[in-house]
């Protein structure tokens, strides 16, 4: 057993969770995995480990990313560490039927092969407790329509880095309207050349400047949708 493992095991639960937040922030993958295993050994429910250690840790990362304290390389390291912890928890969460914050289908649009921003959003969303189905790059409209039909997500996310591929987002939204399913899903768009005006013009629900904003907006829109459903049900 290494000194690092001994060190982590010598911490009480509260100290260990705090240390895991720090390790996530610093992108220390092996330490995060070790922390997850120690908490599970101590009888923590997988969902509690996810929310209190990983999701809370990534929330702190997201705030500093949004505020310009952390940058993409550091956030990718943190997200990879979170993914390592998630890989331990995922089968356990599936067994216990742990609640998810929501579900998202995401992909880069047809003609565009850029994926760093999309990957970052995927990892940050997963780190916030969402189930994420990542369609990859260069997606024609059919891929999006098939994925939302198969997975029935709360959110459809589309990414583009080229001004020439941006308009394809409207093609997808128009196709959703034609099928009569546009209002069934929250549509979020993002990418360097986009802005709020463009998102409004194509009929998206929101423009995500970066991955941290995407998580906040997704949670907010899902909460609003749930509240509207409750209000409609009780009316």
Protein backbone atom coordinates (compact mmCIF):
# COMPACT_ATOMS: atom_id res chain seq x y z
CA UNK A 1 0.00 0.00 0.00
CA UNK A 2 1.39 3.38 -0.99
CA UNK A 3 1.83 6.35 1.32
CA UNK A 4 -0.90 8.16 -0.63
CA UNK A 5 -3.38 5.36 0.01
CA UNK A 6 -2.42 5.30 3.70
CA UNK A 7 -2.82 9.05 3.83
CA UNK A 8 -6.33 8.93 2.32
CA UNK A 9 -7.38 6.09 4.59
CA UNK A 10 -6.28 8.05 7.66
CA UNK A 11 -8.85 10.77 6.91
CA UNK A 12 -12.36 10.75 8.35
CA UNK A 13 -15.26 10.84 5.91
CA UNK A 14 -15.64 14.61 5.87
CA UNK A 15 -11.90 15.16 5.39
CA UNK A 16 -11.77 12.52 2.67
CA UNK A 17 -14.62 14.11 0.70
CA UNK A 18 -12.88 17.50 0.96
CA UNK A 19 -9.62 15.90 -0.22
CA UNK A 20 -11.47 14.32 -3.16
CA UNK A 21 -12.77 17.75 -4.18
CA UNK A 22 -9.15 18.97 -4.16
CA UNK A 23 -7.91 15.90 -6.06
CA UNK A 24 -10.64 16.32 -8.69
CA UNK A 25 -9.74 19.97 -9.03
CA UNK A 26 -6.09 18.99 -9.58
CA UNK A 27 -6.98 16.19 -12.02
CA UNK A 28 -5.51 13.41 -9.84
CA UNK A 29 -7.26 10.39 -11.34
CA UNK A 30 -5.80 7.60 -9.18
CA UNK A 31 -6.46 9.48 -5.94
CA UNK A 32 -10.09 10.07 -6.98
CA UNK A 33 -10.53 6.36 -7.75
CA UNK A 34 -8.99 5.47 -4.38
CA UNK A 35 -11.28 7.93 -2.58
CA UNK A 36 -14.36 6.43 -4.25
CA UNK A 37 -13.31 2.91 -3.23
CA UNK A 38 -12.62 3.95 0.38
CA UNK A 39 -16.03 5.61 0.75
CA UNK A 40 -17.74 2.53 -0.73
CA UNK A 41 -15.80 0.29 1.70
CA UNK A 42 -17.02 2.51 4.55
CA UNK A 43 -20.60 1.77 3.56
CA UNK A 44 -21.45 4.91 1.58
CA UNK A 45 -24.25 4.44 -0.94
CA UNK A 46 -23.00 4.86 -4.54
CA UNK A 47 -25.39 7.78 -5.11
CA UNK A 48 -24.07 9.56 -2.01
CA UNK A 49 -20.48 9.15 -3.25
CA UNK A 50 -21.54 10.49 -6.65
CA UNK A 51 -23.35 13.57 -5.36
CA UNK A 52 -21.23 14.58 -2.37
CA UNK A 53 -17.75 13.70 -3.65
CA UNK A 54 -17.81 13.80 -7.46
CA UNK A 55 -20.69 16.08 -8.46
CA UNK A 56 -19.88 18.64 -5.77
CA UNK A 57 -16.20 18.53 -6.76
CA UNK A 58 -17.06 19.15 -10.41
CA UNK A 59 -19.44 21.95 -9.41
CA UNK A 60 -16.46 23.76 -7.85
CA UNK A 61 -14.42 23.14 -11.01
CA UNK A 62 -17.31 24.46 -13.11
CA UNK A 63 -17.54 27.70 -11.13
CA UNK A 64 -13.83 28.41 -11.51
CA UNK A 65 -14.00 27.55 -15.22
CA UNK A 66 -16.90 29.96 -15.68
CA UNK A 67 -15.01 32.67 -13.78
CA UNK A 68 -11.82 32.26 -15.82
CA UNK A 69 -9.72 30.81 -12.99
CA UNK A 70 -9.44 27.41 -14.67
CA UNK A 71 -9.03 26.80 -18.40
CA UNK A 72 -9.95 23.98 -20.80
CA UNK A 73 -6.82 21.79 -20.23
CA UNK A 74 -7.30 21.82 -16.44
CA UNK A 75 -11.02 21.17 -16.74
CA UNK A 76 -10.39 18.24 -19.09
CA UNK A 77 -8.02 16.75 -16.50
CA UNK A 78 -10.62 17.22 -13.75
CA UNK A 79 -13.35 15.73 -15.94
CA UNK A 80 -11.18 12.71 -16.76
CA UNK A 81 -10.60 12.16 -13.04
CA UNK A 82 -14.34 12.37 -12.44
CA UNK A 83 -14.90 9.86 -15.25
CA UNK A 84 -12.49 7.44 -13.57
CA UNK A 85 -14.52 7.68 -10.35
CA UNK A 86 -17.76 7.35 -12.33
CA UNK A 87 -16.57 4.15 -14.00
CA UNK A 88 -16.45 2.54 -10.54
CA UNK A 89 -19.85 3.91 -9.55
CA UNK A 90 -21.80 3.45 -12.80
CA UNK A 91 -22.51 -0.31 -12.49
CA UNK A 92 -23.39 0.14 -8.79
CA UNK A 93 -25.72 3.05 -9.59
CA UNK A 94 -27.45 0.95 -12.26
CA UNK A 95 -28.01 -1.84 -9.71
CA UNK A 96 -29.50 0.51 -7.12
CA UNK A 97 -31.62 2.44 -9.65
CA UNK A 98 -30.17 5.74 -8.41
CA UNK A 99 -31.99 8.85 -9.60
CA UNK A 100 -30.52 10.87 -12.46
CA UNK A 101 -30.73 14.63 -12.77
CA UNK A 102 -31.75 14.16 -16.39
CA UNK A 103 -30.73 12.70 -19.73
CA UNK A 104 -28.99 14.40 -22.65
CA UNK A 105 -28.25 13.45 -26.24
CA UNK A 106 -25.36 15.52 -27.65
CA UNK A 107 -23.42 15.63 -30.90
CA UNK A 108 -21.49 17.87 -33.28
CA UNK A 109 -23.51 18.72 -36.41
CA UNK A 110 -23.03 17.48 -39.98
CA UNK A 111 -19.91 18.78 -41.70
CA UNK A 112 -18.14 19.58 -38.43
CA UNK A 113 -15.51 17.31 -36.88
CA UNK A 114 -14.61 19.45 -33.86
CA UNK A 115 -15.30 17.77 -30.55
CA UNK A 116 -13.24 19.25 -27.70
CA UNK A 117 -16.04 21.59 -26.60
CA UNK A 118 -18.67 18.88 -27.00
CA UNK A 119 -16.57 16.38 -25.05
CA UNK A 120 -16.12 18.90 -22.26
CA UNK A 121 -19.87 19.52 -22.07
CA UNK A 122 -20.50 15.74 -22.05
CA UNK A 123 -18.07 15.19 -19.18
CA UNK A 124 -19.29 18.18 -17.17
CA UNK A 125 -22.92 17.09 -17.63
CA UNK A 126 -22.05 13.54 -16.55
CA UNK A 127 -20.17 15.02 -13.61
CA UNK A 128 -23.32 16.89 -12.64
CA UNK A 129 -25.33 13.64 -12.50
CA UNK A 130 -26.80 13.57 -16.02
CA UNK A 131 -26.93 10.49 -18.21
CA UNK A 132 -25.22 11.50 -21.48
CA UNK A 133 -25.52 9.85 -24.89
CA UNK A 134 -22.71 11.25 -27.05
CA UNK A 135 -23.29 10.87 -30.81
CA UNK A 136 -19.79 12.06 -31.72
CA UNK A 137 -19.06 14.30 -34.73
CA UNK A 138 -20.48 15.01 -38.20
CA UNK A 139 -24.08 14.09 -37.37
CA UNK A 140 -26.79 14.36 -40.04
CA UNK A 141 -30.31 15.21 -38.96
CA UNK A 142 -31.29 11.51 -39.02
CA UNK A 143 -28.81 10.71 -36.23
CA UNK A 144 -30.39 13.27 -33.91
CA UNK A 145 -33.96 12.19 -34.70
CA UNK A 146 -33.16 8.49 -34.19
CA UNK A 147 -31.31 9.20 -30.93
CA UNK A 148 -34.08 11.29 -29.37
CA UNK A 149 -36.66 8.69 -30.38
CA UNK A 150 -34.60 5.84 -28.95
CA UNK A 151 -33.36 7.49 -25.75
CA UNK A 152 -36.17 9.99 -25.00
CA UNK A 153 -33.79 12.51 -23.39
CA UNK A 154 -34.74 15.68 -21.58
CA UNK A 155 -32.21 17.65 -23.63
CA UNK A 156 -30.79 17.62 -27.15
CA UNK A 157 -27.41 19.37 -27.39
CA UNK A 158 -25.81 20.44 -30.68
CA UNK A 159 -22.29 21.77 -31.16
CA UNK A 160 -20.58 23.55 -34.09
CA UNK A 161 -17.23 25.28 -34.38
CA UNK A 162 -17.48 26.45 -37.99
CA UNK A 163 -19.64 29.32 -39.26
CA UNK A 164 -20.42 27.13 -42.28
CA UNK A 165 -21.91 24.32 -40.13
CA UNK A 166 -23.86 26.54 -37.69
CA UNK A 167 -26.98 26.76 -39.93
CA UNK A 168 -27.35 22.97 -39.82
CA UNK A 169 -28.65 23.33 -36.27
CA UNK A 170 -31.76 24.98 -37.72
CA UNK A 171 -32.17 22.05 -40.13
CA UNK A 172 -32.36 19.70 -37.12
CA UNK A 173 -34.79 21.92 -35.19
CA UNK A 174 -37.02 22.34 -38.29
CA UNK A 175 -37.05 18.56 -38.77
CA UNK A 176 -38.12 18.15 -35.13
CA UNK A 177 -40.95 20.63 -35.74
CA UNK A 178 -42.05 18.72 -38.86
CA UNK A 179 -42.23 15.51 -36.83
CA UNK A 180 -44.21 17.32 -34.11
CA UNK A 181 -41.62 16.56 -31.40
CA UNK A 182 -39.85 19.93 -31.03
CA UNK A 183 -41.69 20.82 -27.82
CA UNK A 184 -40.93 17.45 -26.23
CA UNK A 185 -37.24 18.28 -25.78
CA UNK A 186 -35.07 21.12 -24.50
CA UNK A 187 -32.66 22.11 -27.28
CA UNK A 188 -29.31 23.64 -26.26
CA UNK A 189 -26.68 24.82 -28.73
CA UNK A 190 -23.05 25.84 -28.32
CA UNK A 191 -19.77 26.50 -30.09
CA UNK A 192 -17.32 29.34 -30.59
CA UNK A 193 -19.07 31.20 -33.45
CA UNK A 194 -22.55 31.09 -31.88
CA UNK A 195 -24.31 33.67 -29.73
CA UNK A 196 -27.67 34.14 -28.03
CA UNK A 197 -29.17 35.95 -31.02
CA UNK A 198 -28.36 33.01 -33.30
CA UNK A 199 -29.82 30.51 -30.79
CA UNK A 200 -33.04 32.57 -30.59
CA UNK A 201 -33.22 32.91 -34.39
CA UNK A 202 -33.05 29.14 -35.01
CA UNK A 203 -35.54 28.34 -32.24
CA UNK A 204 -33.23 26.78 -29.65
CA UNK A 205 -34.06 26.97 -25.93
CA UNK A 206 -30.63 28.23 -24.96
CA UNK A 207 -27.12 29.14 -26.00
CA UNK A 208 -24.32 27.71 -23.86
CA UNK A 209 -21.21 29.87 -23.86
CA UNK A 210 -19.19 27.07 -22.22
CA UNK A 211 -19.53 23.74 -20.43
CA UNK A 212 -20.16 25.29 -17.00
CA UNK A 213 -23.00 27.43 -18.40
CA UNK A 214 -24.40 24.34 -20.15
CA UNK A 215 -24.73 22.49 -16.82
CA UNK A 216 -26.37 25.44 -15.05
CA UNK A 217 -28.78 26.08 -17.94
CA UNK A 218 -29.68 22.40 -18.28
CA UNK A 219 -30.53 22.08 -14.58
CA UNK A 220 -32.52 25.32 -14.63
CA UNK A 221 -34.56 24.43 -17.73
CA UNK A 222 -35.31 20.90 -16.46
CA UNK A 223 -36.44 22.30 -13.08
CA UNK A 224 -38.69 24.81 -14.83
CA UNK A 225 -40.16 22.10 -17.03
CA UNK A 226 -40.88 19.91 -13.99
CA UNK A 227 -42.56 22.83 -12.21
CA UNK A 228 -44.70 23.55 -15.27
CA UNK A 229 -45.72 19.89 -15.47
CA UNK A 230 -46.68 19.89 -11.77
CA UNK A 231 -48.66 23.10 -12.20
CA UNK A 232 -50.47 21.69 -15.24
CA UNK A 233 -51.25 18.45 -13.40
CA UNK A 234 -52.72 20.25 -10.38
CA UNK A 235 -54.70 22.77 -12.46
